[in-house]
Amino acid sequence: MIQRYRDLQQKAKSRYATDQSIQKQKLVRLAHGLYSPSPQASTLDILVVRYPQAIFTGLSAFYFWGMTNEIPDYYYVATHRDGSKIRHPEVIQKYVDGPLLDIGRTSHTFQGTKIPIYDQERLLIDLIRFRHQYPMVFYKEIIAFYRKHLSQLDVSKIESYLLVFGHREHIMEVIQKEVF
């Protein structure tokens, strides 16, 4: 389990006690401010602990939900528009306006790691909104997944999400043509 230094410090009440606790528990420093009993930790584990405000989206989310077998080269995350820049070589950050950020936010377990991620309905809306940013082959693969798993889609969720988005009529029209 990865722990942040500040969490360890809150438990120990002082910096010296924290450092002693790290030595006693034989915690290994994984990155600045992150410790674990095991020196082996995945990048995904580290990202989830280091950036709890980030929500996995785009290519990463499609892969984590099992919609594609194509492993993305980067981790795609959405954060608040006013949030800090994530400085990590394997992360592509997308800034999202406040009201849109938490729409469809859920958690999903991928390879033993509980990650914040957008649900499948929100991802469908984003796929349609940003369809020109994806290769056509990839776009069609994801649409085919949605067609195959149509019974799992919650149409009322999609409709309620679209109330907040611009161009909602156009997005719903494309979803009707492409998926249903």
C-alpha atoms as a PDB file:
ATOM      1  CA  MET A   1       0.000   0.000   0.000  1.00  0.00           C
ATOM      2  CA  ILE A   2       1.445   3.342  -1.018  1.00  0.00           C
ATOM      3  CA  GLN A   3       1.395   6.039   1.642  1.00  0.00           C
ATOM      4  CA  ARG A   4       2.053   9.751   1.385  1.00  0.00           C
ATOM      5  CA  TYR A   5       4.644  11.300   3.677  1.00  0.00           C
ATOM      6  CA  ARG A   6       2.157  13.878   4.950  1.00  0.00           C
ATOM      7  CA  ASP A   7      -0.271  11.085   5.945  1.00  0.00           C
ATOM      8  CA  LEU A   8       2.509   9.310   7.809  1.00  0.00           C
ATOM      9  CA  GLN A   9       3.439  12.606   9.480  1.00  0.00           C
ATOM     10  CA  GLN A  10      -0.141  13.209  10.649  1.00  0.00           C
ATOM     11  CA  LYS A  11      -0.137   9.818  12.359  1.00  0.00           C
ATOM     12  CA  ALA A  12       3.294  10.258  13.927  1.00  0.00           C
ATOM     13  CA  LYS A  13       2.816  13.942  14.941  1.00  0.00           C
ATOM     14  CA  SER A  14       6.425  14.949  14.209  1.00  0.00           C
ATOM     15  CA  ARG A  15       8.962  14.734  11.433  1.00  0.00           C
ATOM     16  CA  TYR A  16      11.415  12.726  13.569  1.00  0.00           C
ATOM     17  CA  ALA A  17       8.714  10.223  14.563  1.00  0.00           C
ATOM     18  CA  THR A  18       7.692   9.939  10.909  1.00  0.00           C
ATOM     19  CA  ASP A  19      11.259   9.173   9.827  1.00  0.00           C
ATOM     20  CA  GLN A  20      11.546   6.580  12.615  1.00  0.00           C
ATOM     21  CA  SER A  21       8.259   5.041  11.515  1.00  0.00           C
ATOM     22  CA  ILE A  22       9.535   4.807   7.945  1.00  0.00           C
ATOM     23  CA  GLN A  23      12.664   3.009   9.167  1.00  0.00           C
ATOM     24  CA  LYS A  24      10.763   0.651  11.506  1.00  0.00           C
ATOM     25  CA  GLN A  25       8.205  -0.316   8.886  1.00  0.00           C
ATOM     26  CA  LYS A  26      11.000  -0.625   6.357  1.00  0.00           C
ATOM     27  CA  LEU A  27       9.175   1.589   3.890  1.00  0.00           C
ATOM     28  CA  VAL A  28      10.797   2.221   0.535  1.00  0.00           C
ATOM     29  CA  ARG A  29      10.710   5.654  -1.060  1.00  0.00           C
ATOM     30  CA  LEU A  30       9.004   5.280  -4.454  1.00  0.00           C
ATOM     31  CA  ALA A  31       8.935   8.938  -5.418  1.00  0.00           C
ATOM     32  CA  HIS A  32       9.048  12.296  -3.696  1.00  0.00           C
ATOM     33  CA  GLY A  33       6.645  12.002  -0.742  1.00  0.00           C
ATOM     34  CA  LEU A  34       5.486   8.452  -1.518  1.00  0.00           C
ATOM     35  CA  TYR A  35       6.447   5.356   0.455  1.00  0.00           C
ATOM     36  CA  SER A  36       5.559   1.687   0.250  1.00  0.00           C
ATOM     37  CA  PRO A  37       6.546  -1.543   2.035  1.00  0.00           C
ATOM     38  CA  SER A  38       7.359  -3.000  -1.388  1.00  0.00           C
ATOM     39  CA  PRO A  39       9.801  -1.482  -3.859  1.00  0.00           C
ATOM     40  CA  GLN A  40       7.553  -2.726  -6.668  1.00  0.00           C
ATOM     41  CA  ALA A  41       4.667  -0.388  -7.445  1.00  0.00           C
ATOM     42  CA  SER A  42       3.015   0.251 -10.771  1.00  0.00           C
ATOM     43  CA  THR A  43       2.920   3.677 -12.320  1.00  0.00           C
ATOM     44  CA  LEU A  44      -0.865   3.504 -12.105  1.00  0.00           C
ATOM     45  CA  ASP A  45      -0.699   2.950  -8.321  1.00  0.00           C
ATOM     46  CA  ILE A  46       1.631   5.917  -7.923  1.00  0.00           C
ATOM     47  CA  LEU A  47      -0.525   8.194 -10.092  1.00  0.00           C
ATOM     48  CA  VAL A  48      -3.703   7.352  -8.186  1.00  0.00           C
ATOM     49  CA  VAL A  49      -2.104   8.217  -4.837  1.00  0.00           C
ATOM     50  CA  ARG A  50      -0.125  11.236  -6.024  1.00  0.00           C
ATOM     51  CA  TYR A  51      -2.969  12.838  -8.012  1.00  0.00           C
ATOM     52  CA  PRO A  52      -6.253  11.897  -6.295  1.00  0.00           C
ATOM     53  CA  GLN A  53      -8.114  14.726  -8.048  1.00  0.00           C
ATOM     54  CA  ALA A  54      -7.333  13.327 -11.523  1.00  0.00           C
ATOM     55  CA  ILE A  55      -9.990  11.281 -13.335  1.00  0.00           C
ATOM     56  CA  PHE A  56      -8.926   8.770 -15.980  1.00  0.00           C
ATOM     57  CA  THR A  57     -10.478   9.505 -19.343  1.00  0.00           C
ATOM     58  CA  GLY A  58      -9.980   9.055 -23.071  1.00  0.00           C
ATOM     59  CA  LEU A  59      -7.800   6.232 -24.359  1.00  0.00           C
ATOM     60  CA  SER A  60      -6.864   5.167 -20.818  1.00  0.00           C
ATOM     61  CA  ALA A  61     -10.467   4.881 -19.683  1.00  0.00           C
ATOM     62  CA  PHE A  62     -11.513   2.940 -22.779  1.00  0.00           C
ATOM     63  CA  TYR A  63      -8.690   0.484 -22.092  1.00  0.00           C
ATOM     64  CA  PHE A  64      -9.427   0.205 -18.356  1.00  0.00           C
ATOM     65  CA  TRP A  65     -13.099  -0.549 -19.088  1.00  0.00           C
ATOM     66  CA  GLY A  66     -12.057  -3.267 -21.556  1.00  0.00           C
ATOM     67  CA  MET A  67     -13.487  -1.528 -24.618  1.00  0.00           C
ATOM     68  CA  THR A  68     -10.234  -1.906 -26.514  1.00  0.00           C
ATOM     69  CA  ASN A  69      -7.152  -4.099 -26.361  1.00  0.00           C
ATOM     70  CA  GLU A  70      -4.897  -1.279 -27.486  1.00  0.00           C
ATOM     71  CA  ILE A  71      -2.706  -0.281 -24.549  1.00  0.00           C
ATOM     72  CA  PRO A  72      -2.325   3.513 -24.551  1.00  0.00           C
ATOM     73  CA  ASP A  73       1.169   4.999 -24.574  1.00  0.00           C
ATOM     74  CA  TYR A  74       0.170   7.548 -21.924  1.00  0.00           C
ATOM     75  CA  TYR A  75      -2.244   7.863 -19.017  1.00  0.00           C
ATOM     76  CA  TYR A  76      -4.971  10.320 -20.003  1.00  0.00           C
ATOM     77  CA  VAL A  77      -6.471  12.205 -17.060  1.00  0.00           C
ATOM     78  CA  ALA A  78      -8.964  15.023 -16.627  1.00  0.00           C
ATOM     79  CA  THR A  79      -8.465  17.651 -13.944  1.00  0.00           C
ATOM     80  CA  HIS A  80     -10.109  20.916 -12.971  1.00  0.00           C
ATOM     81  CA  ARG A  81      -9.284  23.806 -15.264  1.00  0.00           C
ATOM     82  CA  ASP A  82      -7.746  25.742 -12.360  1.00  0.00           C
ATOM     83  CA  GLY A  83      -5.791  22.716 -11.115  1.00  0.00           C
ATOM     84  CA  SER A  84      -2.042  22.374 -11.047  1.00  0.00           C
ATOM     85  CA  LYS A  85      -0.168  20.970 -13.996  1.00  0.00           C
ATOM     86  CA  ILE A  86       0.691  17.303 -13.603  1.00  0.00           C
ATOM     87  CA  ARG A  87       4.368  16.956 -14.336  1.00  0.00           C
ATOM     88  CA  HIS A  88       4.761  13.313 -15.168  1.00  0.00           C
ATOM     89  CA  PRO A  89       6.253  12.026 -18.410  1.00  0.00           C
ATOM     90  CA  GLU A  90       3.592   9.333 -18.832  1.00  0.00           C
ATOM     91  CA  VAL A  91       0.564  11.590 -18.257  1.00  0.00           C
ATOM     92  CA  ILE A  92      -1.428  13.661 -20.717  1.00  0.00           C
ATOM     93  CA  GLN A  93      -3.611  16.054 -18.796  1.00  0.00           C
ATOM     94  CA  LYS A  94      -6.895  17.460 -20.046  1.00  0.00           C
ATOM     95  CA  TYR A  95      -8.308  20.500 -18.269  1.00  0.00           C
ATOM     96  CA  VAL A  96     -12.090  20.453 -17.780  1.00  0.00           C
ATOM     97  CA  ASP A  97     -14.474  23.177 -16.595  1.00  0.00           C
ATOM     98  CA  GLY A  98     -15.749  22.769 -13.045  1.00  0.00           C
ATOM     99  CA  PRO A  99     -19.370  21.748 -13.724  1.00  0.00           C
ATOM    100  CA  LEU A 100     -18.336  19.146 -16.302  1.00  0.00           C
ATOM    101  CA  LEU A 101     -15.503  17.557 -14.330  1.00  0.00           C
ATOM    102  CA  ASP A 102     -17.459  15.376 -11.931  1.00  0.00           C
ATOM    103  CA  ILE A 103     -20.249  14.346 -14.303  1.00  0.00           C
ATOM    104  CA  GLY A 104     -19.998  10.576 -14.640  1.00  0.00           C
ATOM    105  CA  ARG A 105     -17.161  10.204 -12.148  1.00  0.00           C
ATOM    106  CA  THR A 106     -16.992   6.737 -10.650  1.00  0.00           C
ATOM    107  CA  SER A 107     -14.374   4.288  -9.436  1.00  0.00           C
ATOM    108  CA  HIS A 108     -13.288   1.090 -11.123  1.00  0.00           C
ATOM    109  CA  THR A 109     -10.813  -1.590 -10.115  1.00  0.00           C
ATOM    110  CA  PHE A 110      -8.183  -2.339 -12.731  1.00  0.00           C
ATOM    111  CA  GLN A 111      -5.469  -4.926 -11.993  1.00  0.00           C
ATOM    112  CA  GLY A 112      -6.075  -4.547  -8.257  1.00  0.00           C
ATOM    113  CA  THR A 113      -5.953  -0.740  -8.238  1.00  0.00           C
ATOM    114  CA  LYS A 114      -9.077   1.282  -7.507  1.00  0.00           C
ATOM    115  CA  ILE A 115      -9.000   4.203  -9.922  1.00  0.00           C
ATOM    116  CA  PRO A 116     -11.177   7.295 -10.390  1.00  0.00           C
ATOM    117  CA  ILE A 117     -12.591   7.065 -13.894  1.00  0.00           C
ATOM    118  CA  TYR A 118     -15.514   8.258 -15.985  1.00  0.00           C
ATOM    119  CA  ASP A 119     -18.387   5.830 -16.390  1.00  0.00           C
ATOM    120  CA  GLN A 120     -19.212   4.334 -19.770  1.00  0.00           C
ATOM    121  CA  GLU A 121     -22.048   6.764 -20.449  1.00  0.00           C
ATOM    122  CA  ARG A 122     -19.818   9.797 -19.953  1.00  0.00           C
ATOM    123  CA  LEU A 123     -17.123   8.196 -22.092  1.00  0.00           C
ATOM    124  CA  LEU A 124     -19.649   7.711 -24.903  1.00  0.00           C
ATOM    125  CA  ILE A 125     -20.540  11.401 -24.771  1.00  0.00           C
ATOM    126  CA  ASP A 126     -16.852  12.366 -24.798  1.00  0.00           C
ATOM    127  CA  LEU A 127     -16.174   9.938 -27.645  1.00  0.00           C
ATOM    128  CA  ILE A 128     -18.819  11.705 -29.733  1.00  0.00           C
ATOM    129  CA  ARG A 129     -17.694  15.198 -28.657  1.00  0.00           C
ATOM    130  CA  PHE A 130     -14.051  14.539 -29.520  1.00  0.00           C
ATOM    131  CA  ARG A 131     -14.463  11.955 -32.299  1.00  0.00           C
ATOM    132  CA  HIS A 132     -12.196  13.876 -34.656  1.00  0.00           C
ATOM    133  CA  GLN A 133      -9.295  13.480 -32.212  1.00  0.00           C
ATOM    134  CA  TYR A 134      -9.349   9.685 -32.464  1.00  0.00           C
ATOM    135  CA  PRO A 135      -8.266   7.544 -35.415  1.00  0.00           C
ATOM    136  CA  MET A 136     -11.336   6.320 -37.329  1.00  0.00           C
ATOM    137  CA  VAL A 137     -10.418   2.658 -36.749  1.00  0.00           C
ATOM    138  CA  PHE A 138     -10.289   3.247 -32.988  1.00  0.00           C
ATOM    139  CA  TYR A 139     -13.541   5.226 -33.028  1.00  0.00           C
ATOM    140  CA  LYS A 140     -15.322   2.417 -34.868  1.00  0.00           C
ATOM    141  CA  GLU A 141     -13.906  -0.185 -32.450  1.00  0.00           C
ATOM    142  CA  ILE A 142     -15.342   1.682 -29.456  1.00  0.00           C
ATOM    143  CA  ILE A 143     -18.694   2.267 -31.178  1.00  0.00           C
ATOM    144  CA  ALA A 144     -18.822  -1.478 -31.979  1.00  0.00           C
ATOM    145  CA  PHE A 145     -18.237  -2.207 -28.272  1.00  0.00           C
ATOM    146  CA  TYR A 146     -21.137   0.050 -27.308  1.00  0.00           C
ATOM    147  CA  ARG A 147     -23.404  -1.620 -29.882  1.00  0.00           C
ATOM    148  CA  LYS A 148     -22.467  -5.058 -28.590  1.00  0.00           C
ATOM    149  CA  HIS A 149     -23.100  -4.048 -24.963  1.00  0.00           C
ATOM    150  CA  LEU A 150     -26.154  -1.887 -25.597  1.00  0.00           C
ATOM    151  CA  SER A 151     -28.117  -3.432 -22.721  1.00  0.00           C
ATOM    152  CA  GLN A 152     -25.498  -2.176 -20.234  1.00  0.00           C
ATOM    153  CA  LEU A 153     -25.961   1.475 -21.251  1.00  0.00           C
ATOM    154  CA  ASP A 154     -28.162   3.640 -19.055  1.00  0.00           C
ATOM    155  CA  VAL A 155     -29.922   5.955 -21.500  1.00  0.00           C
ATOM    156  CA  SER A 156     -31.414   8.063 -18.699  1.00  0.00           C
ATOM    157  CA  LYS A 157     -27.867   8.773 -17.449  1.00  0.00           C
ATOM    158  CA  ILE A 158     -26.813   9.864 -20.913  1.00  0.00           C
ATOM    159  CA  GLU A 159     -29.816  12.180 -21.159  1.00  0.00           C
ATOM    160  CA  SER A 160     -29.196  13.683 -17.718  1.00  0.00           C
ATOM    161  CA  TYR A 161     -25.494  14.198 -18.506  1.00  0.00           C
ATOM    162  CA  LEU A 162     -26.337  15.886 -21.794  1.00  0.00           C
ATOM    163  CA  LEU A 163     -28.370  18.554 -19.977  1.00  0.00           C
ATOM    164  CA  VAL A 164     -25.061  20.094 -18.863  1.00  0.00           C
ATOM    165  CA  PHE A 165     -23.165  19.783 -22.150  1.00  0.00           C
ATOM    166  CA  GLY A 166     -23.409  22.144 -25.096  1.00  0.00           C
ATOM    167  CA  HIS A 167     -24.657  20.828 -28.463  1.00  0.00           C
ATOM    168  CA  ARG A 168     -26.677  18.181 -26.644  1.00  0.00           C
ATOM    169  CA  GLU A 169     -29.152  17.708 -29.499  1.00  0.00           C
ATOM    170  CA  HIS A 170     -26.351  17.046 -31.967  1.00  0.00           C
ATOM    171  CA  ILE A 171     -24.559  14.641 -29.595  1.00  0.00           C
ATOM    172  CA  MET A 172     -27.780  12.697 -28.954  1.00  0.00           C
ATOM    173  CA  GLU A 173     -28.500  12.571 -32.676  1.00  0.00           C
ATOM    174  CA  VAL A 174     -25.042  11.092 -33.373  1.00  0.00           C
ATOM    175  CA  ILE A 175     -25.469   8.576 -30.516  1.00  0.00           C
ATOM    176  CA  GLN A 176     -28.846   7.555 -31.968  1.00  0.00           C
ATOM    177  CA  LYS A 177     -27.339   7.027 -35.435  1.00  0.00           C
ATOM    178  CA  GLU A 178     -24.067   5.371 -34.395  1.00  0.00           C
ATOM    179  CA  VAL A 179     -24.992   3.257 -31.364  1.00  0.00           C
ATOM    180  CA  PHE A 180     -28.727   2.510 -31.259  1.00  0.00           C
END
